[in-house]
Structure formats: C-alpha cells, structure tokens
Amino acid sequence: MVKVSSSDVLSILRRFDQASDEHVPRHIERLKYSHPSPISTLISFTFLSKRWSILFDDTADDDQEVILQQLTTAGISPTGQLMENPHSSTKTYGLPFHGKDVYLFVETPTDTRLDIELSQRFPDTSRSTWQKYILAGCVTVNGSLETSTKRRVKSSDQIEVMKPEQESHSDKELPILYLDEHVIVVDKPAGVLTHSKGALNDEFTVADFFRRYTTDGLETNRPGIIHRLDRDTSGVIIGARDSETAHMLKRQFSERTVKKTYQAVVEGVPEPDKAVIDVPIGRNPTAPSTFRPDTNGKSAQTAYEVRERRADGERSLVELRPKTGRTHQLRVHMKYIGHPIVGDRVYGTANDARLFLHAYQLEITIPGGKRSVFTSPVPDAFNQSIR
C-alpha cells in the first residue's frame, strides 16, 4: 500500500509542472485514498479549485485506456485531461516517483446537483439522506448556506456539512427480559421505534439501547437489530451482541424457523374461532407506505385463534401466529377478514389511544444450540378493553 502525504502530492505536481515553489502542502485539500485494483493506489484531491487524481500503478504501461478505466472504477469522472510527462522526449504519461510509476489526471469541472455531488463525494451516505441534511440547513457551498437540493455545483466547490449534534439517550432504559454474552431480549413499549428512520431522527430507539450491549453494526443506525416491530406494536424483540450471533439469528428468521406469537384486540369476533388466513400482500400503489391484499404480491399466511370475547361481541382478544414476516402482515390480514386491530390508525378506525397489538412470545435457537422461548406479559389495557 502506497503512503503519500500532502508534501508528496505537491512534489508530484511540481514534477508535472503543475505547481511552483510558491505552493505549500496546505494548498492540497480533500485528500482521499482508494484502490481501484489490488495493486494500484489512487489519490484524489483538490488543488487551486480543480479536482485532481494521482494513480500509482506499475502495470498500466502508459496505456491511457487502462488508466482512465481505473479512474472510472474509483468513481472519478473520466471527463478531463491525462497530463503528459514534461520530462520525456516522447509523448508519455507515466513519471517515476519513489520507485513507482505515477499518472496525473485533472478533471474538467462540470455542473451537477448538490445532492448528487454529495452522494458522489461521500458514497457511504445515501442521496436521500443528503437531501434531508440540505433541507435542514446543514450544508454550505463556498461558505454560504444552501437549502436547495437542486443547486448546481462544481466538483471543485468547497462543500461543508455541519451535522447537528445527536441527543444523548444514555439515561433512557428498556426492560430487559434476557441477557447473556450473545443475545439481549427486551420488552419494547408501544411508541418506541425499533431503529432510526433517517439521519436527522434523534428520538430514542431500541437500536440506541442495543448499542450499549453489542459490537455488531455499530457503524450503522441498526446496531444489534435482527428483526423489527412497528412503532405502535409492543412486546418481545431480540438483538445480537456480536456479528456471528447476528448472522445466526437472521438466518433463522429468513428460513422461518422462528416461532412468533402475538396477542391482539380486534373489532368484533372472527368466525370461525380458529383459522389460517392465506392471502398474498403487496404494496399499495396509491399509498406506498402501506400494504394491501394483492394476488400479485408476496405469499403471506397468518394463523389466528379467538382467546376471549367481550359480552357485547364488539371486541375480542385473538392470538396471531404469522407463518411469514411481511410488513404490516397481521394488520392487513385482520382488516381483510373484517376484524381490524383496535387502534390501527392505518387499517382500522383508530378510536383508541394505542394499537392493540403485542408481540407476546418469541421462540428461537440462541448460540449454544439452546431453543429458547421469551415472553412479554400481555398489557393490562388489552384485558380491560374486552371487559
């Protein structure tokens, strides 16, 4: 791996007659390393308001096509000029530096949208996230605040991001149902998100709590997260404390060997008392954040059983056992048979303060081969609502 400092970059620019003795290392800005191939190193940087790249590659053999291909692989626009070696009597591009062949490329500045430019400069963050930062007033262009995602900018523009400080949630707790060296199981209250919805969301989540106990996914907004519960759903949720365990648990969810049991209060009393709902589910094109029964959707099956009913027949407590794990599956299926879950603001009438859906039990195999069942007591409000 090639180690290059700003002084080395400046020295290379001087050898290509692109910098003089008046320039100093601080003129080299936004230095970034990448490896377009296992045996090459690419350094991109800004110098005198232009975007440059230096390729270290002893196998390119002065082949312009090979050099430009490596730039493209590294995400560099091939629109620009490959600088010639000014010290060669013939037209060549390569120049020796510390025993390596180096090639110098300067980009031709082109206009692009601000959100696109940011996603290209920082590919680890999605374009939609950058749009949120821009609209929230977190981005400056050449020292001026910019709140338009459509602002045209050049690759040479100085763009800075001032991310807001995240609220500390160190004082917030969740009830722990089980904890060992591999897994953590908590009882999620209704109203708490499983994980953050985006970069600017700073409310307390299950993922924030898991972050204290796990080494898995710490660079993401979903540390330790294996599965999720909707915000308004309460109950059992399991997390992994290391990456190996995370892989093991996720595989069980994908292979459907995990047994999940929910308790729900629904409108009316389903008939018969016990049945399996086998109805495929797809996204609702008129409301993309919701789902609906769809013959062209994904297969979905839910077994239900009436456990208790109110004397007037207006509500009943049912046990739900999903055999698949589609988004909003239980809510869509119960609405489909004419008995939406009480308090469902999307698929029901939402006359109550909360959604009466509770992840009651989770059966799963944890490290060590132990088949375990984790249970969260049904909230008192459920029993009260059917009496």
Protein backbone atom coordinates (compact mmCIF):
# COMPACT_ATOMS: atom_id res chain seq x y z
CA MET A 1 0.00 0.00 0.00
CA VAL A 2 1.38 3.40 -1.03
CA LYS A 3 1.68 6.02 1.72
CA VAL A 4 1.50 9.57 0.37
CA SER A 5 1.43 12.88 2.22
CA SER A 6 0.31 16.31 1.04
CA SER A 7 4.00 17.16 0.59
CA ASP A 8 4.42 14.15 -1.71
CA VAL A 9 1.38 15.19 -3.74
CA LEU A 10 2.77 18.68 -4.10
CA SER A 11 6.13 17.25 -5.19
CA ILE A 12 4.42 15.19 -7.91
CA LEU A 13 2.51 18.26 -9.13
CA ARG A 14 5.80 20.14 -9.37
CA ARG A 15 7.39 17.33 -11.38
CA PHE A 16 4.48 17.57 -13.80
CA ASP A 17 5.00 21.39 -13.91
CA GLN A 18 1.56 21.98 -12.37
CA ALA A 19 2.79 23.60 -9.13
CA SER A 20 5.56 26.00 -8.24
CA ASP A 21 7.72 26.66 -5.20
CA GLU A 22 5.15 29.23 -4.07
CA HIS A 23 2.64 26.49 -3.32
CA VAL A 24 2.65 24.75 0.06
CA PRO A 25 1.08 21.49 1.34
CA ARG A 26 -1.95 23.28 2.78
CA HIS A 27 -3.00 24.07 -0.79
CA ILE A 28 -3.70 20.34 -1.18
CA GLU A 29 -7.26 19.82 0.10
CA ARG A 30 -9.78 16.95 0.43
CA LEU A 31 -7.15 14.25 0.10
CA LYS A 32 -8.79 10.85 -0.41
CA TYR A 33 -7.35 7.36 -0.98
CA SER A 34 -8.83 4.41 -2.88
CA HIS A 35 -7.67 1.20 -4.54
CA PRO A 36 -9.27 0.62 -7.97
CA SER A 37 -7.30 -2.64 -8.20
CA PRO A 38 -5.39 -4.77 -5.68
CA ILE A 39 -2.03 -3.48 -6.97
CA SER A 40 -2.84 0.21 -7.56
CA THR A 41 -3.47 3.24 -5.37
CA LEU A 42 -5.44 6.33 -6.36
CA ILE A 43 -5.22 9.65 -4.54
CA SER A 44 -7.83 12.29 -5.37
CA PHE A 45 -7.55 15.87 -4.09
CA THR A 46 -8.38 19.50 -4.77
CA PHE A 47 -5.67 21.94 -5.81
CA LEU A 48 -6.27 25.54 -6.94
CA SER A 49 -10.03 24.93 -7.21
CA LYS A 50 -9.54 21.95 -9.53
CA ARG A 51 -10.07 18.27 -8.80
CA TRP A 52 -7.02 16.09 -9.46
CA SER A 53 -6.14 12.40 -9.23
CA ILE A 54 -2.78 10.63 -8.96
CA LEU A 55 -2.61 6.95 -9.89
CA PHE A 56 0.21 4.73 -8.63
CA ASP A 57 0.37 1.70 -10.94
CA ASP A 58 3.46 -0.11 -12.26
CA THR A 59 1.39 -2.30 -14.57
CA ALA A 60 -0.51 0.37 -16.57
CA ASP A 61 2.38 0.64 -19.08
CA ASP A 62 1.33 4.14 -20.12
CA ASP A 63 -1.92 2.76 -21.55
CA GLN A 64 -4.39 5.66 -21.45
CA GLU A 65 -7.42 3.37 -21.66
CA VAL A 66 -6.24 1.30 -18.69
CA ILE A 67 -5.53 4.42 -16.64
CA LEU A 68 -8.93 6.01 -17.34
CA GLN A 69 -10.68 2.72 -16.59
CA GLN A 70 -9.13 2.67 -13.12
CA LEU A 71 -10.26 6.26 -12.54
CA THR A 72 -13.80 5.29 -13.51
CA THR A 73 -13.70 2.26 -11.21
CA ALA A 74 -12.80 4.60 -8.35
CA GLY A 75 -15.77 6.85 -9.12
CA ILE A 76 -13.76 9.59 -10.84
CA SER A 77 -15.33 11.24 -13.89
CA PRO A 78 -13.25 10.41 -16.99
CA THR A 79 -14.05 13.87 -18.35
CA GLY A 80 -10.74 15.69 -18.10
CA GLN A 81 -7.09 15.54 -19.14
CA LEU A 82 -4.38 12.97 -18.50
CA MET A 83 -1.23 15.06 -18.06
CA GLU A 84 1.82 14.26 -20.17
CA ASN A 85 5.26 13.70 -18.65
CA PRO A 86 7.01 17.03 -19.37
CA HIS A 87 10.45 15.46 -18.96
CA SER A 88 10.07 12.85 -21.71
CA SER A 89 11.20 13.44 -25.30
CA THR A 90 8.30 11.28 -26.50
CA LYS A 91 4.64 11.52 -25.59
CA THR A 92 4.26 9.56 -22.36
CA TYR A 93 2.10 9.92 -19.28
CA GLY A 94 3.91 7.95 -16.62
CA LEU A 95 6.51 9.60 -14.39
CA PRO A 96 8.71 7.78 -11.83
CA PHE A 97 8.28 8.75 -8.18
CA HIS A 98 9.95 6.90 -5.31
CA GLY A 99 10.31 3.78 -7.44
CA LYS A 100 6.67 3.83 -8.64
CA ASP A 101 5.06 4.92 -11.90
CA VAL A 102 2.60 7.77 -11.30
CA TYR A 103 -0.03 9.29 -13.58
CA LEU A 104 -1.67 12.68 -13.09
CA PHE A 105 -5.24 13.46 -14.16
CA VAL A 106 -7.19 16.70 -13.84
CA GLU A 107 -10.97 16.75 -14.10
CA THR A 108 -12.86 19.18 -16.29
CA PRO A 109 -15.29 20.94 -13.92
CA THR A 110 -18.91 20.07 -14.65
CA ASP A 111 -22.12 21.23 -13.00
CA THR A 112 -24.27 18.78 -11.07
CA ARG A 113 -26.97 18.91 -8.41
CA LEU A 114 -25.79 19.47 -4.86
CA ASP A 115 -27.39 16.27 -3.52
CA ILE A 116 -25.80 14.21 -6.32
CA GLU A 117 -22.38 15.78 -5.74
CA LEU A 118 -22.54 15.00 -2.02
CA SER A 119 -23.56 11.39 -2.65
CA GLN A 120 -20.61 11.05 -5.04
CA ARG A 121 -18.14 12.57 -2.59
CA PHE A 122 -19.47 10.55 0.33
CA PRO A 123 -20.89 7.31 -1.17
CA ASP A 124 -21.42 5.73 2.27
CA THR A 125 -24.35 8.11 2.79
CA SER A 126 -27.42 7.85 0.55
CA ARG A 127 -28.61 10.66 -1.68
CA SER A 128 -31.96 10.80 0.16
CA THR A 129 -30.10 11.36 3.44
CA TRP A 130 -28.06 14.18 1.90
CA GLN A 131 -31.30 15.77 0.72
CA LYS A 132 -32.54 15.83 4.32
CA TYR A 133 -29.30 17.45 5.51
CA ILE A 134 -29.53 20.11 2.79
CA LEU A 135 -33.17 20.93 3.54
CA ALA A 136 -32.38 21.10 7.26
CA GLY A 137 -29.76 23.80 6.66
CA CYS A 138 -26.72 21.65 7.42
CA VAL A 139 -24.77 22.28 4.18
CA THR A 140 -22.71 25.22 2.96
CA VAL A 141 -21.28 25.80 -0.53
CA ASN A 142 -18.19 28.01 -0.69
CA GLY A 143 -19.05 29.35 2.75
CA SER A 144 -22.73 30.14 2.05
CA LEU A 145 -25.67 28.20 3.50
CA GLU A 146 -27.55 26.24 0.85
CA THR A 147 -31.01 24.70 1.35
CA SER A 148 -31.84 23.74 -2.25
CA THR A 149 -31.05 20.18 -3.28
CA LYS A 150 -31.13 21.32 -6.93
CA ARG A 151 -28.37 23.90 -6.55
CA ARG A 152 -25.80 23.39 -9.33
CA VAL A 153 -22.26 22.94 -8.04
CA LYS A 154 -18.86 22.01 -9.46
CA SER A 155 -16.55 19.28 -8.26
CA SER A 156 -14.10 22.00 -7.27
CA ASP A 157 -16.59 23.80 -4.99
CA GLN A 158 -15.89 23.78 -1.27
CA ILE A 159 -18.84 21.96 0.31
CA GLU A 160 -19.06 21.53 4.08
CA VAL A 161 -21.57 19.62 6.17
CA MET A 162 -22.45 20.66 9.70
CA LYS A 163 -24.29 17.67 11.12
CA PRO A 164 -26.46 18.55 14.15
CA GLU A 165 -25.44 17.12 17.49
CA GLN A 166 -27.37 13.98 18.32
CA GLU A 167 -29.38 13.96 21.52
CA SER A 168 -27.91 11.73 24.21
CA HIS A 169 -30.10 8.82 25.28
CA SER A 170 -27.74 7.46 27.93
CA ASP A 171 -30.37 7.99 30.65
CA LYS A 172 -33.11 6.03 28.85
CA GLU A 173 -33.73 2.35 29.56
CA LEU A 174 -35.79 -0.55 28.24
CA PRO A 175 -36.99 -3.58 30.25
CA ILE A 176 -34.53 -6.45 29.70
CA LEU A 177 -36.20 -9.87 29.55
CA TYR A 178 -32.99 -11.84 28.98
CA LEU A 179 -29.29 -11.11 28.63
CA ASP A 180 -26.23 -13.30 28.08
CA GLU A 181 -22.92 -12.92 26.24
CA HIS A 182 -24.56 -13.44 22.84
CA VAL A 183 -28.10 -12.04 22.87
CA ILE A 184 -30.24 -9.40 24.51
CA VAL A 185 -34.05 -9.57 24.66
CA VAL A 186 -36.12 -6.54 25.63
CA ASP A 187 -39.78 -5.71 26.13
CA LYS A 188 -40.41 -2.85 23.70
CA PRO A 189 -43.06 -0.36 24.79
CA ALA A 190 -45.61 0.87 22.26
CA GLY A 191 -44.48 4.14 20.68
CA VAL A 192 -40.76 3.32 20.56
CA LEU A 193 -39.11 2.88 17.15
CA THR A 194 -37.02 -0.23 16.52
CA HIS A 195 -34.38 1.84 14.74
CA SER A 196 -33.96 5.37 13.41
CA LYS A 197 -35.86 6.30 10.26
CA GLY A 198 -33.17 8.65 8.98
CA ALA A 199 -30.09 10.73 9.62
CA LEU A 200 -31.98 13.60 11.27
CA ASN A 201 -34.13 11.46 13.52
CA ASP A 202 -32.82 11.73 17.09
CA GLU A 203 -35.58 10.05 19.13
CA PHE A 204 -34.72 7.14 21.39
CA THR A 205 -34.91 3.74 19.66
CA VAL A 206 -34.36 0.09 20.53
CA ALA A 207 -31.19 0.30 18.42
CA ASP A 208 -29.88 3.10 20.66
CA PHE A 209 -30.35 0.82 23.67
CA PHE A 210 -28.77 -2.19 21.94
CA ARG A 211 -25.72 -0.07 21.04
CA ARG A 212 -24.64 -0.28 24.70
CA TYR A 213 -24.58 -4.08 24.57
CA THR A 214 -23.36 -5.03 21.09
CA THR A 215 -20.37 -4.89 18.76
CA ASP A 216 -22.49 -5.66 15.67
CA GLY A 217 -23.35 -2.90 13.22
CA LEU A 218 -22.01 -0.04 15.32
CA GLU A 219 -21.28 1.95 12.14
CA THR A 220 -24.98 1.85 11.19
CA ASN A 221 -28.24 3.07 12.72
CA ARG A 222 -29.25 -0.57 13.43
CA PRO A 223 -26.67 -1.97 15.87
CA GLY A 224 -27.68 -5.42 17.05
CA ILE A 225 -31.04 -5.29 15.24
CA ILE A 226 -32.23 -8.66 13.90
CA HIS A 227 -35.93 -8.02 13.29
CA ARG A 228 -38.29 -5.14 13.88
CA LEU A 229 -41.64 -4.28 15.40
CA ASP A 230 -43.79 -1.38 14.20
CA ARG A 231 -43.60 1.74 16.36
CA ASP A 232 -47.07 1.14 17.83
CA THR A 233 -46.52 -2.58 18.49
CA SER A 234 -45.23 -3.58 21.91
CA GLY A 235 -43.51 -6.74 23.10
CA VAL A 236 -40.56 -9.09 22.63
CA ILE A 237 -37.66 -8.11 20.41
CA ILE A 238 -34.28 -9.88 20.32
CA GLY A 239 -30.89 -8.38 19.49
CA ALA A 240 -27.43 -9.79 18.77
CA ARG A 241 -24.38 -8.81 20.81
CA ASP A 242 -21.86 -9.79 18.11
CA SER A 243 -21.80 -10.25 14.32
CA GLU A 244 -21.59 -14.04 14.42
CA THR A 245 -24.73 -14.23 16.51
CA ALA A 246 -26.44 -11.69 14.26
CA HIS A 247 -25.81 -13.92 11.24
CA MET A 248 -27.13 -16.98 13.09
CA LEU A 249 -30.34 -15.27 14.24
CA LYS A 250 -31.07 -13.58 10.90
CA ARG A 251 -30.72 -16.92 9.14
CA GLN A 252 -33.45 -18.38 11.38
CA PHE A 253 -35.79 -15.51 10.53
CA SER A 254 -35.12 -15.89 6.80
CA GLU A 255 -35.59 -19.68 6.99
CA ARG A 256 -38.81 -19.21 9.04
CA THR A 257 -37.71 -21.43 11.92
CA VAL A 258 -38.54 -18.68 14.43
CA LYS A 259 -41.98 -19.00 16.03
CA LYS A 260 -43.72 -15.70 16.76
CA THR A 261 -46.91 -15.32 18.74
CA TYR A 262 -48.88 -12.07 19.04
CA GLN A 263 -51.89 -11.05 21.08
CA ALA A 264 -54.31 -8.52 19.61
CA VAL A 265 -57.65 -6.96 20.40
CA VAL A 266 -59.77 -6.81 17.25
CA GLU A 267 -63.10 -5.33 16.31
CA GLY A 268 -65.90 -7.91 16.55
CA VAL A 269 -65.40 -11.66 16.83
CA PRO A 270 -63.79 -13.57 13.91
CA GLU A 271 -65.62 -16.65 12.64
CA PRO A 272 -64.67 -19.41 12.81
CA ASP A 273 -62.85 -19.13 16.14
CA LYS A 274 -59.71 -20.66 14.61
CA ALA A 275 -58.38 -20.48 11.03
CA VAL A 276 -55.45 -19.65 8.76
CA ILE A 277 -55.53 -16.54 6.58
CA ASP A 278 -53.61 -17.27 3.36
CA VAL A 279 -53.66 -14.04 1.35
CA PRO A 280 -50.68 -12.55 -0.53
CA ILE A 281 -49.72 -8.97 0.33
CA GLY A 282 -48.32 -6.20 -1.85
CA ARG A 283 -47.51 -2.51 -1.52
CA ASN A 284 -50.42 -0.14 -2.07
CA PRO A 285 -49.53 1.98 -5.15
CA THR A 286 -51.83 4.81 -4.05
CA ALA A 287 -50.20 4.95 -0.58
CA PRO A 288 -46.66 3.50 -0.92
CA SER A 289 -46.06 3.35 2.84
CA THR A 290 -48.99 0.95 3.29
CA PHE A 291 -49.84 -2.56 2.08
CA ARG A 292 -52.92 -4.40 0.85
CA PRO A 293 -54.11 -7.86 -0.23
CA ASP A 294 -52.68 -8.40 -3.71
CA THR A 295 -52.89 -11.52 -5.87
CA ASN A 296 -49.56 -10.50 -7.40
CA GLY A 297 -47.99 -9.77 -4.02
CA LYS A 298 -45.81 -11.89 -1.76
CA SER A 299 -47.15 -15.02 -0.11
CA ALA A 300 -48.41 -14.40 3.45
CA GLN A 301 -50.06 -16.69 5.99
CA THR A 302 -51.40 -15.93 9.46
CA ALA A 303 -52.98 -18.40 11.88
CA TYR A 304 -55.43 -16.88 14.36
CA GLU A 305 -57.44 -18.18 17.33
CA VAL A 306 -60.02 -16.32 19.41
CA ARG A 307 -58.99 -16.41 23.07
CA GLU A 308 -61.63 -14.22 24.71
CA ARG A 309 -64.56 -12.10 23.64
CA ARG A 310 -66.45 -9.20 25.12
CA ALA A 311 -70.03 -9.87 26.21
CA ASP A 312 -71.47 -7.44 23.65
CA GLY A 313 -69.43 -9.05 20.86
CA GLU A 314 -67.89 -5.73 19.81
CA ARG A 315 -64.33 -6.82 20.58
CA SER A 316 -62.31 -9.97 21.08
CA LEU A 317 -58.80 -11.00 22.12
CA VAL A 318 -57.13 -13.13 19.46
CA GLU A 319 -53.82 -14.97 19.27
CA LEU A 320 -51.95 -14.47 16.00
CA ARG A 321 -49.17 -16.69 14.69
CA PRO A 322 -47.62 -15.35 11.48
CA LYS A 323 -46.03 -18.04 9.33
CA THR A 324 -44.38 -15.39 7.13
CA GLY A 325 -42.98 -11.99 8.06
CA ARG A 326 -44.40 -9.43 5.64
CA THR A 327 -44.56 -5.77 6.60
CA HIS A 328 -47.91 -4.96 8.30
CA GLN A 329 -48.99 -8.57 7.67
CA LEU A 330 -51.11 -9.03 10.80
CA ARG A 331 -52.80 -5.67 10.42
CA VAL A 332 -53.59 -6.21 6.73
CA HIS A 333 -54.86 -9.76 7.27
CA MET A 334 -57.17 -8.86 10.16
CA LYS A 335 -58.64 -5.99 8.17
CA TYR A 336 -59.08 -8.36 5.20
CA ILE A 337 -61.33 -10.71 7.21
CA GLY A 338 -63.34 -7.75 8.51
CA HIS A 339 -61.86 -7.55 12.02
CA PRO A 340 -59.17 -4.84 12.05
CA ILE A 341 -56.98 -4.49 15.10
CA VAL A 342 -58.32 -1.94 17.57
CA GLY A 343 -56.41 1.35 17.50
CA ASP A 344 -54.97 0.81 13.99
CA ARG A 345 -54.70 4.30 12.54
CA VAL A 346 -53.87 2.98 9.05
CA TYR A 347 -56.01 -0.11 8.56
CA GLY A 348 -58.74 0.41 11.19
CA THR A 349 -60.82 3.12 12.86
CA ALA A 350 -58.24 4.20 15.47
CA ASN A 351 -60.75 5.11 18.17
CA ASP A 352 -58.27 4.15 20.91
CA ALA A 353 -55.07 5.77 22.12
CA ARG A 354 -52.84 2.86 21.11
CA LEU A 355 -52.61 -0.04 18.69
CA PHE A 356 -53.73 -3.20 20.49
CA LEU A 357 -51.05 -5.46 19.00
CA HIS A 358 -48.48 -7.10 21.26
CA ALA A 359 -45.53 -9.38 20.40
CA TYR A 360 -46.30 -11.86 23.15
CA GLN A 361 -43.81 -14.65 22.57
CA LEU A 362 -40.70 -15.45 20.53
CA GLU A 363 -39.23 -18.92 20.18
CA ILE A 364 -35.73 -19.09 18.68
CA THR A 365 -32.46 -21.01 18.96
CA ILE A 366 -29.66 -18.98 20.57
CA PRO A 367 -25.90 -19.70 20.49
CA GLY A 368 -25.09 -22.95 22.23
CA GLY A 369 -27.97 -24.74 20.48
CA LYS A 370 -30.49 -23.82 23.16
CA ARG A 371 -34.06 -23.47 21.91
CA SER A 372 -35.49 -20.64 23.97
CA VAL A 373 -38.89 -19.04 24.46
CA PHE A 374 -39.10 -15.38 25.51
CA THR A 375 -42.40 -13.98 26.75
CA SER A 376 -43.73 -10.49 27.45
CA PRO A 377 -46.92 -10.35 29.55
CA VAL A 378 -49.97 -9.02 27.75
CA PRO A 379 -50.54 -5.38 28.79
CA ASP A 380 -53.38 -4.82 31.26
CA ALA A 381 -55.04 -2.49 28.75
CA PHE A 382 -55.73 -5.46 26.48
CA ASN A 383 -57.75 -7.30 29.12
CA GLN A 384 -59.52 -4.15 30.22
CA SER A 385 -60.61 -3.35 26.67
CA ILE A 386 -62.61 -6.57 26.28
CA ARG A 387 -64.31 -6.46 29.70
